[in-house]
């Protein structure tokens, strides 16, 4: 049976998808202790290791997990923090310190020589000349690994969200390829959060202390007026651009800039990329398709393809949104895991 160590595991989206595919998750590693309760609550047979891998050695991991080198059935998963490599034009100073963590992951690969490697990140990682992925590919090829890489859209794999991601699958025991997109209808928001028996209608500022965590952020009185003036099912701020009370000074005369800001989602389309700010009406197209509020924590988790029973263990809505927004969508991870398993039955 294939087994995996999930580096930069966060709240466990990749671990969940791989386990659903039939891969045993030995451990998840992350330097953020706030994700531990979520990871441990949902992955009881896996060990959570709270480490910064820039300060944690391969030898220490070898001792902690009793891992063997050159294990053909071992997968190392490296979904390092991606903000620095995003093609979105934002301030990269805060994320610079995590930009090259892939290089430390590389040290673990060289030490253990696992049978398989799986990397998922933003498309920008494969497009920038200074990206560490370039040297990583040259190195693993010299070590005898076959690899396939490219940019995939999560909406092609059962995730109700347009989320493009760079993926690399490598193996030193057989040739590998990327998964092909599913045929048929893509899931949309109506399929995902349209069940009002479960996703009960709520008002902005609702706090849900149950395991469902159907909580939503507060809105100012002015933003409540704005969202009420925004047409349902995909409406944008252009509906109130000529209203002197509602229009924002920064967008006067700039109708074509940031058109998703203060916009509603479409019922019958996939969501745009769920970010760590998805609970904020002013940070993207995160307005509910018809209710006058932004997405709730549980709705964001559903759009990321987490199952209803997945526990988001945090007392903070902001932290919960960060855990969800940073996650690898489990359905996408499952497709990647299935593809690795499929390679075992293909000719070497």
Protein backbone atom coordinates (compact mmCIF):
# COMPACT_ATOMS: atom_id res chain seq x y z
CA UNK A 1 0.00 0.00 0.00
CA UNK A 2 1.24 3.47 -0.83
CA UNK A 3 1.84 5.77 2.13
CA UNK A 4 2.49 9.49 2.30
CA UNK A 5 4.01 12.22 4.41
CA UNK A 6 2.15 15.49 3.83
CA UNK A 7 4.55 18.43 4.23
CA UNK A 8 2.88 21.84 4.75
CA UNK A 9 -0.32 19.94 5.52
CA UNK A 10 -2.39 22.83 6.89
CA UNK A 11 -5.88 21.75 7.85
CA UNK A 12 -5.58 18.51 5.89
CA UNK A 13 -7.21 18.97 2.48
CA UNK A 14 -4.49 17.09 0.62
CA UNK A 15 -4.31 14.40 3.32
CA UNK A 16 -8.07 13.86 3.07
CA UNK A 17 -8.09 13.55 -0.70
CA UNK A 18 -5.16 11.15 -0.79
CA UNK A 19 -6.69 8.99 1.95
CA UNK A 20 -9.98 8.94 -0.01
CA UNK A 21 -7.96 7.67 -2.98
CA UNK A 22 -6.64 4.79 -0.89
CA UNK A 23 -3.26 6.12 0.25
CA UNK A 24 -2.21 5.79 3.91
CA UNK A 25 -1.26 9.15 5.42
CA UNK A 26 1.53 8.55 7.92
CA UNK A 27 1.88 12.15 9.06
CA UNK A 28 1.22 15.78 8.33
CA UNK A 29 3.88 18.41 8.98
CA UNK A 30 3.20 22.12 9.48
CA UNK A 31 4.84 24.95 11.40
CA UNK A 32 1.45 26.58 12.18
CA UNK A 33 0.18 25.12 15.45
CA UNK A 34 -3.25 26.69 14.93
CA UNK A 35 -4.04 24.11 12.21
CA UNK A 36 -3.29 21.18 14.54
CA UNK A 37 -6.78 20.84 16.08
CA UNK A 38 -8.40 20.69 12.62
CA UNK A 39 -5.85 18.24 11.24
CA UNK A 40 -5.92 15.94 14.26
CA UNK A 41 -9.72 15.96 14.55
CA UNK A 42 -10.08 14.69 10.98
CA UNK A 43 -7.00 12.48 10.60
CA UNK A 44 -6.96 10.42 13.75
CA UNK A 45 -4.69 7.70 12.35
CA UNK A 46 -2.07 10.22 11.18
CA UNK A 47 0.55 11.97 13.29
CA UNK A 48 0.65 15.77 13.25
CA UNK A 49 4.19 17.13 13.53
CA UNK A 50 4.50 20.82 14.40
CA UNK A 51 7.77 21.77 12.72
CA UNK A 52 9.29 24.44 10.51
CA UNK A 53 11.14 22.29 7.98
CA UNK A 54 13.83 24.94 7.56
CA UNK A 55 14.79 24.05 11.16
CA UNK A 56 13.87 20.35 11.12
CA UNK A 57 16.27 17.83 9.66
CA UNK A 58 15.63 14.72 7.56
CA UNK A 59 17.37 12.73 10.29
CA UNK A 60 14.87 13.99 12.86
CA UNK A 61 11.98 12.98 10.61
CA UNK A 62 13.61 9.58 10.14
CA UNK A 63 13.64 9.09 13.91
CA UNK A 64 10.18 10.52 14.54
CA UNK A 65 8.43 8.32 11.98
CA UNK A 66 10.86 5.41 11.71
CA UNK A 67 11.00 6.06 7.96
CA UNK A 68 13.16 3.97 5.65
CA UNK A 69 15.17 5.39 2.79
CA UNK A 70 14.56 4.27 -0.82
CA UNK A 71 11.01 3.12 -0.07
CA UNK A 72 9.25 2.56 -3.42
CA UNK A 73 5.84 2.90 -1.75
CA UNK A 74 6.53 6.22 -0.03
CA UNK A 75 5.12 9.52 -1.33
CA UNK A 76 6.46 12.90 -0.22
CA UNK A 77 3.87 15.64 -0.72
CA UNK A 78 5.08 19.24 -0.81
CA UNK A 79 2.41 21.96 -1.11
CA UNK A 80 4.51 24.82 0.22
CA UNK A 81 3.01 28.27 0.93
CA UNK A 82 2.18 29.87 -2.39
CA UNK A 83 1.46 33.57 -1.81
CA UNK A 84 4.89 34.74 -3.02
CA UNK A 85 4.51 32.96 -6.36
CA UNK A 86 0.98 34.15 -7.05
CA UNK A 87 0.60 36.05 -10.32
CA UNK A 88 -1.77 38.44 -8.54
CA UNK A 89 -0.06 41.80 -8.11
CA UNK A 90 0.06 42.09 -4.32
CA UNK A 91 2.71 43.00 -1.77
CA UNK A 92 5.06 40.01 -1.55
CA UNK A 93 7.15 41.20 1.42
CA UNK A 94 5.18 39.22 4.04
CA UNK A 95 5.34 35.98 2.04
CA UNK A 96 9.00 36.28 1.00
CA UNK A 97 10.25 34.32 4.01
CA UNK A 98 8.25 31.24 2.95
CA UNK A 99 8.98 31.58 -0.79
CA UNK A 100 11.81 29.05 -0.92
CA UNK A 101 10.59 26.37 1.48
CA UNK A 102 10.51 24.01 -1.51
CA UNK A 103 14.31 24.00 -1.28
CA UNK A 104 14.12 22.50 2.22
CA UNK A 105 11.56 19.96 1.00
CA UNK A 106 14.14 19.12 -1.66
CA UNK A 107 16.61 18.19 1.10
CA UNK A 108 14.13 15.63 2.45
CA UNK A 109 13.64 14.18 -1.03
CA UNK A 110 17.39 13.81 -1.55
CA UNK A 111 17.85 12.16 1.85
CA UNK A 112 14.97 9.65 1.66
CA UNK A 113 14.73 9.09 -2.10
CA UNK A 114 10.98 8.23 -1.90
CA UNK A 115 9.24 6.32 -4.66
CA UNK A 116 6.96 9.25 -5.48
CA UNK A 117 6.81 13.03 -5.16
CA UNK A 118 3.69 15.18 -5.40
CA UNK A 119 3.77 18.98 -5.54
CA UNK A 120 0.82 21.39 -5.81
CA UNK A 121 1.16 25.16 -5.98
CA UNK A 122 -0.02 28.29 -7.78
CA UNK A 123 0.62 28.51 -11.55
CA UNK A 124 3.11 31.32 -10.93
CA UNK A 125 5.59 28.84 -9.46
CA UNK A 126 6.05 27.32 -12.92
CA UNK A 127 6.13 30.64 -14.80
CA UNK A 128 8.77 32.68 -12.99
CA UNK A 129 12.45 32.32 -13.82
CA UNK A 130 13.49 32.66 -10.17
CA UNK A 131 11.21 29.86 -9.01
CA UNK A 132 12.88 27.00 -7.08
CA UNK A 133 10.82 24.49 -9.07
CA UNK A 134 13.20 24.87 -12.01
CA UNK A 135 16.24 23.63 -10.10
CA UNK A 136 14.09 21.04 -8.33
CA UNK A 137 13.07 19.43 -11.64
CA UNK A 138 16.65 19.33 -12.90
CA UNK A 139 17.80 17.73 -9.65
CA UNK A 140 15.16 15.00 -9.41
CA UNK A 141 15.68 14.12 -13.08
CA UNK A 142 19.39 13.62 -12.37
CA UNK A 143 18.35 11.36 -9.47
CA UNK A 144 16.45 9.09 -11.85
CA UNK A 145 12.92 10.39 -11.41
CA UNK A 146 10.38 10.55 -14.20
CA UNK A 147 7.99 13.47 -13.84
CA UNK A 148 4.97 15.12 -15.42
CA UNK A 149 3.92 18.66 -14.61
CA UNK A 150 1.52 21.33 -15.75
CA UNK A 151 -1.34 23.62 -14.75
CA UNK A 152 -4.72 22.01 -14.00
CA UNK A 153 -8.08 23.54 -13.14
CA UNK A 154 -9.77 22.09 -10.06
CA UNK A 155 -13.19 22.59 -11.69
CA UNK A 156 -12.24 19.82 -14.13
CA UNK A 157 -12.02 17.37 -11.21
CA UNK A 158 -15.31 17.81 -9.40
CA UNK A 159 -14.52 20.97 -7.43
CA UNK A 160 -17.19 23.70 -7.83
CA UNK A 161 -14.52 26.36 -8.21
CA UNK A 162 -12.32 27.82 -10.95
CA UNK A 163 -8.98 27.24 -9.26
CA UNK A 164 -5.91 26.74 -11.45
CA UNK A 165 -2.98 24.96 -9.83
CA UNK A 166 0.48 23.86 -10.85
CA UNK A 167 0.98 20.13 -10.24
CA UNK A 168 4.08 17.94 -10.47
CA UNK A 169 3.91 14.16 -10.09
CA UNK A 170 7.26 12.34 -10.06
CA UNK A 171 8.37 8.77 -9.58
CA UNK A 172 11.67 6.94 -9.74
CA UNK A 173 9.99 3.52 -10.07
CA UNK A 174 7.76 4.11 -13.14
CA UNK A 175 6.64 6.70 -15.64
CA UNK A 176 3.83 8.97 -14.52
CA UNK A 177 1.34 11.37 -16.07
CA UNK A 178 -1.11 14.03 -14.91
CA UNK A 179 -4.79 13.12 -14.48
CA UNK A 180 -7.20 13.92 -17.28
CA UNK A 181 -10.23 16.08 -16.57
CA UNK A 182 -13.57 14.46 -15.82
CA UNK A 183 -16.15 14.45 -18.58
CA UNK A 184 -19.65 15.77 -18.09
CA UNK A 185 -21.25 18.65 -16.22
CA UNK A 186 -19.07 20.65 -13.85
CA UNK A 187 -20.52 21.21 -10.36
CA UNK A 188 -21.80 24.73 -9.75
CA UNK A 189 -22.77 26.77 -6.70
CA UNK A 190 -26.41 25.73 -6.80
CA UNK A 191 -25.33 22.08 -6.47
CA UNK A 192 -22.97 22.96 -3.64
CA UNK A 193 -24.57 25.51 -1.31
CA UNK A 194 -28.11 25.71 -2.68
CA UNK A 195 -29.64 23.28 -0.19
CA UNK A 196 -31.35 25.65 2.24
CA UNK A 197 -32.31 22.80 4.55
CA UNK A 198 -28.62 22.43 5.38
CA UNK A 199 -27.26 25.87 4.49
CA UNK A 200 -30.07 27.67 6.30
CA UNK A 201 -30.54 31.34 5.35
CA UNK A 202 -28.63 33.56 7.79
CA UNK A 203 -27.88 37.23 8.32
CA UNK A 204 -24.44 38.90 8.28
CA UNK A 205 -22.71 38.53 11.64
CA UNK A 206 -24.34 35.17 12.44
CA UNK A 207 -22.17 33.08 14.75
CA UNK A 208 -22.77 29.33 14.69
CA UNK A 209 -21.16 27.51 17.61
CA UNK A 210 -22.15 24.07 16.32
CA UNK A 211 -19.82 21.73 14.45
CA UNK A 212 -21.37 22.97 11.20
CA UNK A 213 -19.71 26.39 11.67
CA UNK A 214 -22.25 28.15 9.42
CA UNK A 215 -20.96 31.53 10.59
CA UNK A 216 -20.65 34.66 8.50
CA UNK A 217 -18.82 37.93 9.00
CA UNK A 218 -20.47 41.16 10.05
CA UNK A 219 -21.18 43.90 7.50
CA UNK A 220 -21.22 47.61 8.12
CA UNK A 221 -24.52 49.40 7.57
CA UNK A 222 -23.09 50.91 4.37
CA UNK A 223 -22.02 47.52 3.03
CA UNK A 224 -25.45 46.10 3.84
CA UNK A 225 -26.91 48.86 1.66
CA UNK A 226 -24.39 48.03 -1.06
CA UNK A 227 -25.13 44.32 -1.17
CA UNK A 228 -28.89 44.95 -1.07
CA UNK A 229 -28.41 47.19 -4.13
CA UNK A 230 -26.41 44.49 -5.94
CA UNK A 231 -28.54 42.30 -8.24
CA UNK A 232 -28.85 38.67 -7.17
CA UNK A 233 -27.08 35.89 -9.05
CA UNK A 234 -23.86 37.50 -10.19
CA UNK A 235 -24.53 41.22 -9.74
CA UNK A 236 -21.63 43.66 -9.37
CA UNK A 237 -20.88 47.05 -7.84
CA UNK A 238 -21.62 48.65 -11.22
CA UNK A 239 -25.28 48.52 -10.20
CA UNK A 240 -24.63 51.32 -7.72
CA UNK A 241 -21.72 53.15 -9.35
CA UNK A 242 -23.84 56.30 -9.80
CA UNK A 243 -25.11 56.30 -6.23
CA UNK A 244 -23.03 58.92 -4.40
CA UNK A 245 -23.65 57.29 -1.02
CA UNK A 246 -22.66 53.77 -2.10
CA UNK A 247 -19.93 54.34 -4.68
CA UNK A 248 -16.35 54.03 -3.42
CA UNK A 249 -14.02 56.95 -4.09
CA UNK A 250 -11.30 54.59 -5.35
CA UNK A 251 -13.53 53.25 -8.14
CA UNK A 252 -15.01 56.45 -9.52
CA UNK A 253 -14.38 56.36 -13.27
CA UNK A 254 -12.76 52.91 -12.97
CA UNK A 255 -15.59 50.59 -13.90
CA UNK A 256 -13.25 48.00 -15.43
CA UNK A 257 -10.96 47.67 -12.40
CA UNK A 258 -11.43 44.88 -9.85
CA UNK A 259 -14.94 44.13 -11.06
CA UNK A 260 -15.30 41.12 -8.76
CA UNK A 261 -14.90 43.28 -5.63
CA UNK A 262 -18.28 43.68 -3.86
CA UNK A 263 -19.83 41.22 -6.34
CA UNK A 264 -22.21 38.31 -5.85
CA UNK A 265 -21.50 34.74 -6.87
CA UNK A 266 -23.45 33.10 -9.70
CA UNK A 267 -25.75 30.21 -8.83
CA UNK A 268 -25.09 28.27 -12.02
CA UNK A 269 -21.35 28.74 -12.40
CA UNK A 270 -18.38 27.48 -10.42
CA UNK A 271 -17.06 29.89 -7.81
CA UNK A 272 -13.93 31.91 -8.49
CA UNK A 273 -10.90 30.87 -6.43
CA UNK A 274 -11.67 30.64 -2.73
CA UNK A 275 -8.98 32.64 -0.93
CA UNK A 276 -8.28 33.11 2.77
CA UNK A 277 -10.50 36.24 2.58
CA UNK A 278 -13.64 34.51 1.27
CA UNK A 279 -15.72 35.62 4.28
CA UNK A 280 -15.11 39.26 3.31
CA UNK A 281 -17.66 40.84 0.95
CA UNK A 282 -15.13 43.52 -0.05
CA UNK A 283 -12.28 41.17 -1.01
CA UNK A 284 -13.64 39.55 -4.16
CA UNK A 285 -16.71 37.90 -5.65
CA UNK A 286 -17.70 36.43 -2.30
CA UNK A 287 -21.21 37.85 -1.90
CA UNK A 288 -23.86 35.15 -1.54
CA UNK A 289 -25.84 34.68 -4.80
CA UNK A 290 -29.06 35.96 -3.20
CA UNK A 291 -28.71 36.50 0.56
CA UNK A 292 -27.36 39.87 1.72
CA UNK A 293 -24.08 38.65 3.18
CA UNK A 294 -20.74 37.11 2.29
CA UNK A 295 -20.10 33.36 2.28
CA UNK A 296 -20.15 31.47 5.56
CA UNK A 297 -17.32 29.30 6.86
CA UNK A 298 -19.20 26.10 6.03
CA UNK A 299 -20.13 27.33 2.56
CA UNK A 300 -16.48 28.11 1.83
CA UNK A 301 -15.50 24.64 3.02
CA UNK A 302 -18.15 23.09 0.74
CA UNK A 303 -16.91 25.08 -2.26
CA UNK A 304 -13.43 23.78 -1.46
CA UNK A 305 -15.07 20.29 -1.60
CA UNK A 306 -14.66 19.44 2.08
CA UNK A 307 -17.44 17.04 3.14
CA UNK A 308 -20.13 18.25 5.54
CA UNK A 309 -18.69 16.22 8.41
CA UNK A 310 -15.21 17.74 8.16
CA UNK A 311 -14.49 19.54 11.44
CA UNK A 312 -13.05 23.05 11.25
CA UNK A 313 -11.61 23.45 14.73
CA UNK A 314 -11.08 27.13 15.42
CA UNK A 315 -12.68 29.76 17.63
CA UNK A 316 -11.79 32.45 15.11
CA UNK A 317 -13.66 32.98 11.85
CA UNK A 318 -10.55 34.60 10.37
CA UNK A 319 -8.38 31.59 11.26
CA UNK A 320 -11.02 29.15 10.01
CA UNK A 321 -11.22 31.01 6.68
CA UNK A 322 -7.44 30.90 6.40
CA UNK A 323 -7.38 27.14 7.01
CA UNK A 324 -10.04 26.60 4.34
CA UNK A 325 -8.68 29.07 1.80
CA UNK A 326 -5.13 27.68 2.01
CA UNK A 327 -6.26 24.07 1.62
CA UNK A 328 -5.86 21.82 -1.38
CA UNK A 329 -9.44 20.94 -2.39
CA UNK A 330 -9.90 17.31 -1.30
CA UNK A 331 -11.63 16.24 -4.54
CA UNK A 332 -8.68 17.56 -6.51
CA UNK A 333 -6.25 15.84 -4.15
CA UNK A 334 -8.23 12.61 -4.56
CA UNK A 335 -7.83 12.81 -8.34
CA UNK A 336 -4.08 13.28 -7.94
CA UNK A 337 -3.89 10.32 -5.56
CA UNK A 338 -5.92 8.13 -7.91
CA UNK A 339 -3.56 9.07 -10.73
CA UNK A 340 -0.52 7.99 -8.71
CA UNK A 341 -2.22 4.70 -7.86
CA UNK A 342 -3.18 4.25 -11.50
CA UNK A 343 0.47 4.55 -12.52
CA UNK A 344 1.25 1.40 -10.57
CA UNK A 345 -0.78 -0.61 -13.07
CA UNK A 346 0.72 0.99 -16.15
CA UNK A 347 3.78 -0.38 -17.88
CA UNK A 348 7.10 0.83 -16.59
